[in-house]
Amino acid sequence: MPRRDVTAAARPRAARRARTPSKPTVLDRGLKRRFQLRLLKWYREHGRDLPWRKTSDPYKILVSEVMLQQTQVDRVIPKYHEFLERYPSFERLAAASTEEVKKTWYPLGYNIRPLRLHSIACETVARYGGTLPKEPEQLLSFKGIGRYTAGAIRSFAFNEDAPILDTNVIRVLHRVFIGTGDPKARKAELWKLSEALIPRGKGYDFNQALMDFGAMVCNARDPYCLLCPMKDFCKTYPFEHKR
């Protein structure tokens, strides 16, 4: 959502206040449906045009997900293109030296990431003939692929209804459906919520929408609460704005 359309009044500090007691989340069917429909509608109108959304190649999806760890999207895009031009496949990446891969990765930082990516490429070539598996257990067996990355690969490369839970998704689900307490302490509940909310057969769009919504509307420091399509049922939205 473009920032120029938002006034300071649309970002009340009170939006960070919680009003509900901390207890297990009960997902009402009607609430679930409203959230799904509104989020997907918002995504159709405001979703970002990103290069890794134009492919279903598991290798390219993996590269994008590893690059996006702790790095802003605008910094990732040019490096994503450069990296894939130099290493267009698991085989090409596995054949390169780690020093060469690290130099290509620069200046993204957090330099354990290219080593992990190289290791995954080597293992994919050695164990699976250069084809990344889609089974959750096999994906999670790779050092460097955790539950979020496995879910992203299954969702974005294999079009499965697999849940994801990154920083943006945690923020959105915790604010809208829980409202109180430390989100980190409720990750198990948030994983279940993320999975339960996925509309059948729409995991790709829904998960992309969740991440964009958390980055663009329900962001960490300055959420656009008055323009949020979820504000009439969000557990963190100020009560006085609901009357």
C-alpha atoms as a PDB file:
ATOM      1  CA  MET A   1       0.000   0.000   0.000  1.00  0.00           C
ATOM      2  CA  PRO A   2       1.611   3.304  -1.080  1.00  0.00           C
ATOM      3  CA  ARG A   3       2.744   5.448   1.834  1.00  0.00           C
ATOM      4  CA  ARG A   4       1.587   8.658   0.118  1.00  0.00           C
ATOM      5  CA  ASP A   5      -2.052   7.652   0.662  1.00  0.00           C
ATOM      6  CA  VAL A   6      -1.638   7.441   4.426  1.00  0.00           C
ATOM      7  CA  THR A   7      -1.839  10.302   6.904  1.00  0.00           C
ATOM      8  CA  ALA A   8      -0.311  10.362  10.340  1.00  0.00           C
ATOM      9  CA  ALA A   9      -3.807   9.932  11.773  1.00  0.00           C
ATOM     10  CA  ALA A  10      -3.966   6.496  10.181  1.00  0.00           C
ATOM     11  CA  ARG A  11      -1.204   5.217  12.417  1.00  0.00           C
ATOM     12  CA  PRO A  12      -2.368   5.656  16.038  1.00  0.00           C
ATOM     13  CA  ARG A  13       0.090   4.709  18.736  1.00  0.00           C
ATOM     14  CA  ALA A  14      -2.822   3.203  20.609  1.00  0.00           C
ATOM     15  CA  ALA A  15      -2.965   0.479  17.982  1.00  0.00           C
ATOM     16  CA  ARG A  16      -0.257  -1.319  19.886  1.00  0.00           C
ATOM     17  CA  ARG A  17      -2.440  -1.672  22.963  1.00  0.00           C
ATOM     18  CA  ALA A  18      -3.916  -5.064  23.662  1.00  0.00           C
ATOM     19  CA  ARG A  19      -7.408  -5.493  25.087  1.00  0.00           C
ATOM     20  CA  THR A  20      -7.958  -9.215  25.406  1.00  0.00           C
ATOM     21  CA  PRO A  21      -6.704 -11.714  27.984  1.00  0.00           C
ATOM     22  CA  SER A  22      -4.033 -14.193  26.979  1.00  0.00           C
ATOM     23  CA  LYS A  23      -5.724 -17.508  26.261  1.00  0.00           C
ATOM     24  CA  PRO A  24      -5.739 -20.133  23.507  1.00  0.00           C
ATOM     25  CA  THR A  25      -7.122 -18.774  20.250  1.00  0.00           C
ATOM     26  CA  VAL A  26     -10.476 -20.134  19.086  1.00  0.00           C
ATOM     27  CA  LEU A  27     -10.810 -19.652  15.345  1.00  0.00           C
ATOM     28  CA  ASP A  28     -14.426 -18.849  14.531  1.00  0.00           C
ATOM     29  CA  ARG A  29     -15.446 -20.045  11.062  1.00  0.00           C
ATOM     30  CA  GLY A  30     -16.954 -16.707  10.080  1.00  0.00           C
ATOM     31  CA  LEU A  31     -13.939 -14.779  11.322  1.00  0.00           C
ATOM     32  CA  LYS A  32     -11.634 -17.123   9.451  1.00  0.00           C
ATOM     33  CA  ARG A  33     -13.566 -16.591   6.223  1.00  0.00           C
ATOM     34  CA  ARG A  34     -13.579 -12.805   6.610  1.00  0.00           C
ATOM     35  CA  PHE A  35      -9.841 -12.729   7.204  1.00  0.00           C
ATOM     36  CA  GLN A  36      -9.159 -14.954   4.186  1.00  0.00           C
ATOM     37  CA  LEU A  37     -11.362 -12.953   1.803  1.00  0.00           C
ATOM     38  CA  ARG A  38     -10.112  -9.555   2.931  1.00  0.00           C
ATOM     39  CA  LEU A  39      -6.466 -10.551   2.870  1.00  0.00           C
ATOM     40  CA  LEU A  40      -6.667 -12.062  -0.615  1.00  0.00           C
ATOM     41  CA  LYS A  41      -8.600  -9.031  -1.907  1.00  0.00           C
ATOM     42  CA  TRP A  42      -5.963  -6.709  -0.456  1.00  0.00           C
ATOM     43  CA  TYR A  43      -3.207  -8.805  -2.056  1.00  0.00           C
ATOM     44  CA  ARG A  44      -4.835  -8.659  -5.486  1.00  0.00           C
ATOM     45  CA  GLU A  45      -4.841  -4.867  -5.249  1.00  0.00           C
ATOM     46  CA  HIS A  46      -1.557  -4.185  -3.454  1.00  0.00           C
ATOM     47  CA  GLY A  47       0.708  -7.271  -3.661  1.00  0.00           C
ATOM     48  CA  ARG A  48       4.336  -6.554  -4.564  1.00  0.00           C
ATOM     49  CA  ASP A  49       5.754  -7.428  -7.965  1.00  0.00           C
ATOM     50  CA  LEU A  50       8.819  -9.489  -7.008  1.00  0.00           C
ATOM     51  CA  PRO A  51      11.026 -11.531  -9.378  1.00  0.00           C
ATOM     52  CA  TRP A  52      10.834 -14.771  -7.375  1.00  0.00           C
ATOM     53  CA  ARG A  53       7.052 -14.685  -7.745  1.00  0.00           C
ATOM     54  CA  LYS A  54       7.472 -15.234 -11.473  1.00  0.00           C
ATOM     55  CA  THR A  55       8.917 -18.726 -11.104  1.00  0.00           C
ATOM     56  CA  SER A  56       8.063 -22.050  -9.489  1.00  0.00           C
ATOM     57  CA  ASP A  57      11.618 -23.386  -9.772  1.00  0.00           C
ATOM     58  CA  PRO A  58      12.476 -24.817  -6.321  1.00  0.00           C
ATOM     59  CA  TYR A  59      16.114 -23.746  -6.718  1.00  0.00           C
ATOM     60  CA  LYS A  60      15.203 -20.109  -7.430  1.00  0.00           C
ATOM     61  CA  ILE A  61      12.654 -20.088  -4.628  1.00  0.00           C
ATOM     62  CA  LEU A  62      15.281 -21.437  -2.227  1.00  0.00           C
ATOM     63  CA  VAL A  63      17.818 -18.794  -3.293  1.00  0.00           C
ATOM     64  CA  SER A  64      15.278 -16.016  -2.721  1.00  0.00           C
ATOM     65  CA  GLU A  65      14.242 -17.338   0.689  1.00  0.00           C
ATOM     66  CA  VAL A  66      17.820 -17.643   1.930  1.00  0.00           C
ATOM     67  CA  MET A  67      18.680 -14.165   0.638  1.00  0.00           C
ATOM     68  CA  LEU A  68      15.626 -12.632   2.297  1.00  0.00           C
ATOM     69  CA  GLN A  69      16.673 -13.831   5.751  1.00  0.00           C
ATOM     70  CA  GLN A  70      17.483 -10.652   7.701  1.00  0.00           C
ATOM     71  CA  THR A  71      17.794  -8.587   4.500  1.00  0.00           C
ATOM     72  CA  GLN A  72      15.447  -6.006   2.989  1.00  0.00           C
ATOM     73  CA  VAL A  73      13.716  -6.844  -0.291  1.00  0.00           C
ATOM     74  CA  ASP A  74      15.180  -3.905  -2.218  1.00  0.00           C
ATOM     75  CA  ARG A  75      18.712  -5.055  -1.407  1.00  0.00           C
ATOM     76  CA  VAL A  76      17.951  -8.647  -2.372  1.00  0.00           C
ATOM     77  CA  ILE A  77      16.485  -8.066  -5.854  1.00  0.00           C
ATOM     78  CA  PRO A  78      19.686  -7.078  -7.739  1.00  0.00           C
ATOM     79  CA  LYS A  79      21.767  -9.735  -5.957  1.00  0.00           C
ATOM     80  CA  TYR A  80      19.129 -12.375  -6.696  1.00  0.00           C
ATOM     81  CA  HIS A  81      19.445 -11.712 -10.433  1.00  0.00           C
ATOM     82  CA  GLU A  82      23.249 -11.639 -10.288  1.00  0.00           C
ATOM     83  CA  PHE A  83      23.483 -14.838  -8.267  1.00  0.00           C
ATOM     84  CA  LEU A  84      21.161 -16.785 -10.581  1.00  0.00           C
ATOM     85  CA  GLU A  85      22.979 -15.552 -13.660  1.00  0.00           C
ATOM     86  CA  ARG A  86      26.211 -16.954 -12.257  1.00  0.00           C
ATOM     87  CA  TYR A  87      24.720 -20.071 -10.649  1.00  0.00           C
ATOM     88  CA  PRO A  88      21.511 -20.966 -12.545  1.00  0.00           C
ATOM     89  CA  SER A  89      21.113 -24.432 -11.022  1.00  0.00           C
ATOM     90  CA  PHE A  90      21.964 -26.627  -8.058  1.00  0.00           C
ATOM     91  CA  GLU A  91      24.645 -28.295 -10.181  1.00  0.00           C
ATOM     92  CA  ARG A  92      26.383 -25.028 -11.058  1.00  0.00           C
ATOM     93  CA  LEU A  93      26.282 -23.820  -7.468  1.00  0.00           C
ATOM     94  CA  ALA A  94      27.566 -27.129  -6.102  1.00  0.00           C
ATOM     95  CA  ALA A  95      30.486 -27.060  -8.566  1.00  0.00           C
ATOM     96  CA  ALA A  96      31.651 -23.633  -7.366  1.00  0.00           C
ATOM     97  CA  SER A  97      34.067 -23.112  -4.499  1.00  0.00           C
ATOM     98  CA  THR A  98      32.770 -21.692  -1.242  1.00  0.00           C
ATOM     99  CA  GLU A  99      35.101 -18.704  -1.558  1.00  0.00           C
ATOM    100  CA  GLU A 100      33.718 -17.890  -4.978  1.00  0.00           C
ATOM    101  CA  VAL A 101      30.147 -18.194  -3.707  1.00  0.00           C
ATOM    102  CA  LYS A 102      30.885 -15.884  -0.775  1.00  0.00           C
ATOM    103  CA  LYS A 103      32.362 -13.269  -3.126  1.00  0.00           C
ATOM    104  CA  THR A 104      29.281 -13.417  -5.336  1.00  0.00           C
ATOM    105  CA  TRP A 105      27.055 -13.076  -2.277  1.00  0.00           C
ATOM    106  CA  TYR A 106      28.789  -9.888  -1.074  1.00  0.00           C
ATOM    107  CA  PRO A 107      27.613  -7.376   0.178  1.00  0.00           C
ATOM    108  CA  LEU A 108      24.408  -8.959   1.531  1.00  0.00           C
ATOM    109  CA  GLY A 109      26.105  -9.839   4.802  1.00  0.00           C
ATOM    110  CA  TYR A 110      25.208 -12.555   7.314  1.00  0.00           C
ATOM    111  CA  ASN A 111      27.766 -14.673   5.492  1.00  0.00           C
ATOM    112  CA  ILE A 112      26.783 -18.045   6.899  1.00  0.00           C
ATOM    113  CA  ARG A 113      23.911 -17.969   4.398  1.00  0.00           C
ATOM    114  CA  PRO A 114      25.911 -18.552   1.188  1.00  0.00           C
ATOM    115  CA  LEU A 115      27.735 -21.427   2.879  1.00  0.00           C
ATOM    116  CA  ARG A 116      24.427 -22.999   3.883  1.00  0.00           C
ATOM    117  CA  LEU A 117      23.054 -22.522   0.390  1.00  0.00           C
ATOM    118  CA  HIS A 118      26.156 -24.091  -1.138  1.00  0.00           C
ATOM    119  CA  SER A 119      25.879 -27.022   1.266  1.00  0.00           C
ATOM    120  CA  ILE A 120      22.222 -27.558   0.314  1.00  0.00           C
ATOM    121  CA  ALA A 121      23.173 -27.510  -3.364  1.00  0.00           C
ATOM    122  CA  CYS A 122      25.912 -30.098  -2.834  1.00  0.00           C
ATOM    123  CA  GLU A 123      23.572 -32.377  -0.895  1.00  0.00           C
ATOM    124  CA  THR A 124      20.769 -31.958  -3.440  1.00  0.00           C
ATOM    125  CA  VAL A 125      23.095 -32.998  -6.253  1.00  0.00           C
ATOM    126  CA  ALA A 126      24.625 -35.869  -4.306  1.00  0.00           C
ATOM    127  CA  ARG A 127      21.455 -37.326  -2.797  1.00  0.00           C
ATOM    128  CA  TYR A 128      18.653 -36.296  -5.151  1.00  0.00           C
ATOM    129  CA  GLY A 129      20.287 -35.857  -8.560  1.00  0.00           C
ATOM    130  CA  GLY A 130      19.939 -32.071  -8.478  1.00  0.00           C
ATOM    131  CA  THR A 131      16.188 -32.046  -7.776  1.00  0.00           C
ATOM    132  CA  LEU A 132      15.071 -30.612  -4.454  1.00  0.00           C
ATOM    133  CA  PRO A 133      12.558 -32.946  -2.765  1.00  0.00           C
ATOM    134  CA  LYS A 134       9.175 -31.631  -1.678  1.00  0.00           C
ATOM    135  CA  GLU A 135       8.469 -33.984   1.225  1.00  0.00           C
ATOM    136  CA  PRO A 136       8.631 -32.062   4.545  1.00  0.00           C
ATOM    137  CA  GLU A 137      10.821 -34.637   6.285  1.00  0.00           C
ATOM    138  CA  GLN A 138      13.378 -34.603   3.481  1.00  0.00           C
ATOM    139  CA  LEU A 139      13.450 -30.818   3.282  1.00  0.00           C
ATOM    140  CA  LEU A 140      13.945 -30.521   7.028  1.00  0.00           C
ATOM    141  CA  SER A 141      16.838 -32.971   6.882  1.00  0.00           C
ATOM    142  CA  PHE A 142      18.960 -30.343   5.101  1.00  0.00           C
ATOM    143  CA  LYS A 143      21.160 -28.256   7.352  1.00  0.00           C
ATOM    144  CA  GLY A 144      19.996 -24.709   6.699  1.00  0.00           C
ATOM    145  CA  ILE A 145      16.351 -25.503   5.917  1.00  0.00           C
ATOM    146  CA  GLY A 146      14.110 -24.932   8.895  1.00  0.00           C
ATOM    147  CA  ARG A 147      10.372 -25.137   9.265  1.00  0.00           C
ATOM    148  CA  TYR A 148       9.688 -21.739   7.701  1.00  0.00           C
ATOM    149  CA  THR A 149      11.934 -22.291   4.666  1.00  0.00           C
ATOM    150  CA  ALA A 150      10.501 -25.783   4.139  1.00  0.00           C
ATOM    151  CA  GLY A 151       6.981 -24.338   4.232  1.00  0.00           C
ATOM    152  CA  ALA A 152       7.923 -21.574   1.803  1.00  0.00           C
ATOM    153  CA  ILE A 153       9.426 -24.057  -0.661  1.00  0.00           C
ATOM    154  CA  ARG A 154       6.402 -26.339  -0.458  1.00  0.00           C
ATOM    155  CA  SER A 155       4.030 -23.411  -0.846  1.00  0.00           C
ATOM    156  CA  PHE A 156       5.799 -21.310  -3.494  1.00  0.00           C
ATOM    157  CA  ALA A 157       7.589 -23.994  -5.535  1.00  0.00           C
ATOM    158  CA  PHE A 158       5.221 -26.966  -5.209  1.00  0.00           C
ATOM    159  CA  ASN A 159       1.933 -25.083  -4.697  1.00  0.00           C
ATOM    160  CA  GLU A 160       1.041 -26.941  -1.508  1.00  0.00           C
ATOM    161  CA  ASP A 161      -1.071 -25.558   1.327  1.00  0.00           C
ATOM    162  CA  ALA A 162       1.904 -25.467   3.690  1.00  0.00           C
ATOM    163  CA  PRO A 163       2.005 -22.989   6.584  1.00  0.00           C
ATOM    164  CA  ILE A 164       4.743 -20.397   7.005  1.00  0.00           C
ATOM    165  CA  LEU A 165       5.694 -18.294  10.007  1.00  0.00           C
ATOM    166  CA  ASP A 166       8.262 -15.559   9.495  1.00  0.00           C
ATOM    167  CA  THR A 167       8.553 -12.279  11.409  1.00  0.00           C
ATOM    168  CA  ASN A 168       5.847 -10.539   9.369  1.00  0.00           C
ATOM    169  CA  VAL A 169       3.395 -13.434   9.624  1.00  0.00           C
ATOM    170  CA  ILE A 170       3.941 -13.740  13.380  1.00  0.00           C
ATOM    171  CA  ARG A 171       3.185 -10.047  13.795  1.00  0.00           C
ATOM    172  CA  VAL A 172      -0.012 -10.116  11.726  1.00  0.00           C
ATOM    173  CA  LEU A 173      -1.496 -13.256  13.265  1.00  0.00           C
ATOM    174  CA  HIS A 174      -0.592 -12.302  16.822  1.00  0.00           C
ATOM    175  CA  ARG A 175      -2.034  -8.801  16.520  1.00  0.00           C
ATOM    176  CA  VAL A 176      -5.227  -9.803  14.732  1.00  0.00           C
ATOM    177  CA  PHE A 177      -6.124 -13.043  16.526  1.00  0.00           C
ATOM    178  CA  ILE A 178      -4.354 -12.994  19.936  1.00  0.00           C
ATOM    179  CA  GLY A 179      -3.523  -9.431  20.936  1.00  0.00           C
ATOM    180  CA  THR A 180      -1.597  -9.949  24.184  1.00  0.00           C
ATOM    181  CA  GLY A 181       1.579 -11.517  25.484  1.00  0.00           C
ATOM    182  CA  ASP A 182       4.894 -12.291  23.876  1.00  0.00           C
ATOM    183  CA  PRO A 183       4.490 -13.663  20.329  1.00  0.00           C
ATOM    184  CA  LYS A 184       7.644 -15.749  20.743  1.00  0.00           C
ATOM    185  CA  ALA A 185       6.049 -17.597  23.642  1.00  0.00           C
ATOM    186  CA  ARG A 186       3.069 -18.544  21.463  1.00  0.00           C
ATOM    187  CA  LYS A 187       4.840 -19.755  18.337  1.00  0.00           C
ATOM    188  CA  ALA A 188       3.344 -23.240  18.549  1.00  0.00           C
ATOM    189  CA  GLU A 189      -0.140 -21.721  18.602  1.00  0.00           C
ATOM    190  CA  LEU A 190       0.753 -19.338  15.771  1.00  0.00           C
ATOM    191  CA  TRP A 191       1.986 -22.231  13.617  1.00  0.00           C
ATOM    192  CA  LYS A 192      -1.380 -23.956  14.092  1.00  0.00           C
ATOM    193  CA  LEU A 193      -3.183 -20.709  13.302  1.00  0.00           C
ATOM    194  CA  SER A 194      -1.127 -20.162  10.155  1.00  0.00           C
ATOM    195  CA  GLU A 195      -2.016 -23.642   8.933  1.00  0.00           C
ATOM    196  CA  ALA A 196      -5.703 -23.411   9.856  1.00  0.00           C
ATOM    197  CA  LEU A 197      -6.179 -20.112   8.024  1.00  0.00           C
ATOM    198  CA  ILE A 198      -4.971 -21.265   4.589  1.00  0.00           C
ATOM    199  CA  PRO A 199      -7.890 -21.485   2.132  1.00  0.00           C
ATOM    200  CA  ARG A 200      -7.823 -24.880   0.449  1.00  0.00           C
ATOM    201  CA  GLY A 201      -5.825 -24.751  -2.777  1.00  0.00           C
ATOM    202  CA  LYS A 202      -4.714 -21.141  -2.253  1.00  0.00           C
ATOM    203  CA  GLY A 203      -1.628 -21.572  -0.117  1.00  0.00           C
ATOM    204  CA  TYR A 204       0.629 -19.738  -2.561  1.00  0.00           C
ATOM    205  CA  ASP A 205      -1.371 -16.509  -2.765  1.00  0.00           C
ATOM    206  CA  PHE A 206      -2.420 -16.590   0.877  1.00  0.00           C
ATOM    207  CA  ASN A 207       1.125 -16.956   2.202  1.00  0.00           C
ATOM    208  CA  GLN A 208       2.490 -14.286  -0.133  1.00  0.00           C
ATOM    209  CA  ALA A 209      -0.357 -12.037   0.985  1.00  0.00           C
ATOM    210  CA  LEU A 210       0.426 -12.581   4.666  1.00  0.00           C
ATOM    211  CA  MET A 211       4.052 -11.575   4.168  1.00  0.00           C
ATOM    212  CA  ASP A 212       3.202  -8.500   2.102  1.00  0.00           C
ATOM    213  CA  PHE A 213       0.506  -7.417   4.549  1.00  0.00           C
ATOM    214  CA  GLY A 214       2.955  -7.633   7.443  1.00  0.00           C
ATOM    215  CA  ALA A 215       5.588  -5.674   5.528  1.00  0.00           C
ATOM    216  CA  MET A 216       3.326  -3.004   4.077  1.00  0.00           C
ATOM    217  CA  VAL A 217       0.343  -2.474   6.412  1.00  0.00           C
ATOM    218  CA  CYS A 218       0.744  -4.301   9.717  1.00  0.00           C
ATOM    219  CA  ASN A 219       4.393  -3.351  10.012  1.00  0.00           C
ATOM    220  CA  ALA A 220       6.420  -3.347  13.192  1.00  0.00           C
ATOM    221  CA  ARG A 221       6.848   0.318  14.072  1.00  0.00           C
ATOM    222  CA  ASP A 222       4.155   2.276  12.264  1.00  0.00           C
ATOM    223  CA  PRO A 223       1.120   0.135  11.342  1.00  0.00           C
ATOM    224  CA  TYR A 224      -1.531   1.716   9.112  1.00  0.00           C
ATOM    225  CA  CYS A 225      -4.388   0.784  11.421  1.00  0.00           C
ATOM    226  CA  LEU A 226      -7.118   3.093  10.137  1.00  0.00           C
ATOM    227  CA  LEU A 227      -6.665   1.726   6.610  1.00  0.00           C
ATOM    228  CA  CYS A 228      -6.443  -1.894   7.706  1.00  0.00           C
ATOM    229  CA  PRO A 229      -9.209  -4.160   6.340  1.00  0.00           C
ATOM    230  CA  MET A 230      -8.997  -6.244   9.543  1.00  0.00           C
ATOM    231  CA  LYS A 231      -9.540  -3.420  12.027  1.00  0.00           C
ATOM    232  CA  ASP A 232     -13.145  -4.282  12.908  1.00  0.00           C
ATOM    233  CA  PHE A 233     -12.071  -7.630  14.376  1.00  0.00           C
ATOM    234  CA  CYS A 234      -8.366  -7.103  15.160  1.00  0.00           C
ATOM    235  CA  LYS A 235      -7.615  -7.908  18.814  1.00  0.00           C
ATOM    236  CA  THR A 236      -5.023  -5.124  18.985  1.00  0.00           C
ATOM    237  CA  TYR A 237      -7.020  -2.328  17.363  1.00  0.00           C
ATOM    238  CA  PRO A 238      -8.158   0.321  19.868  1.00  0.00           C
ATOM    239  CA  PHE A 239     -11.659  -0.155  21.209  1.00  0.00           C
ATOM    240  CA  GLU A 240     -12.614   3.485  20.777  1.00  0.00           C
ATOM    241  CA  HIS A 241     -12.151   3.201  17.003  1.00  0.00           C
ATOM    242  CA  LYS A 242     -14.606   0.293  16.793  1.00  0.00           C
ATOM    243  CA  ARG A 243     -17.633   2.143  18.135  1.00  0.00           C
END
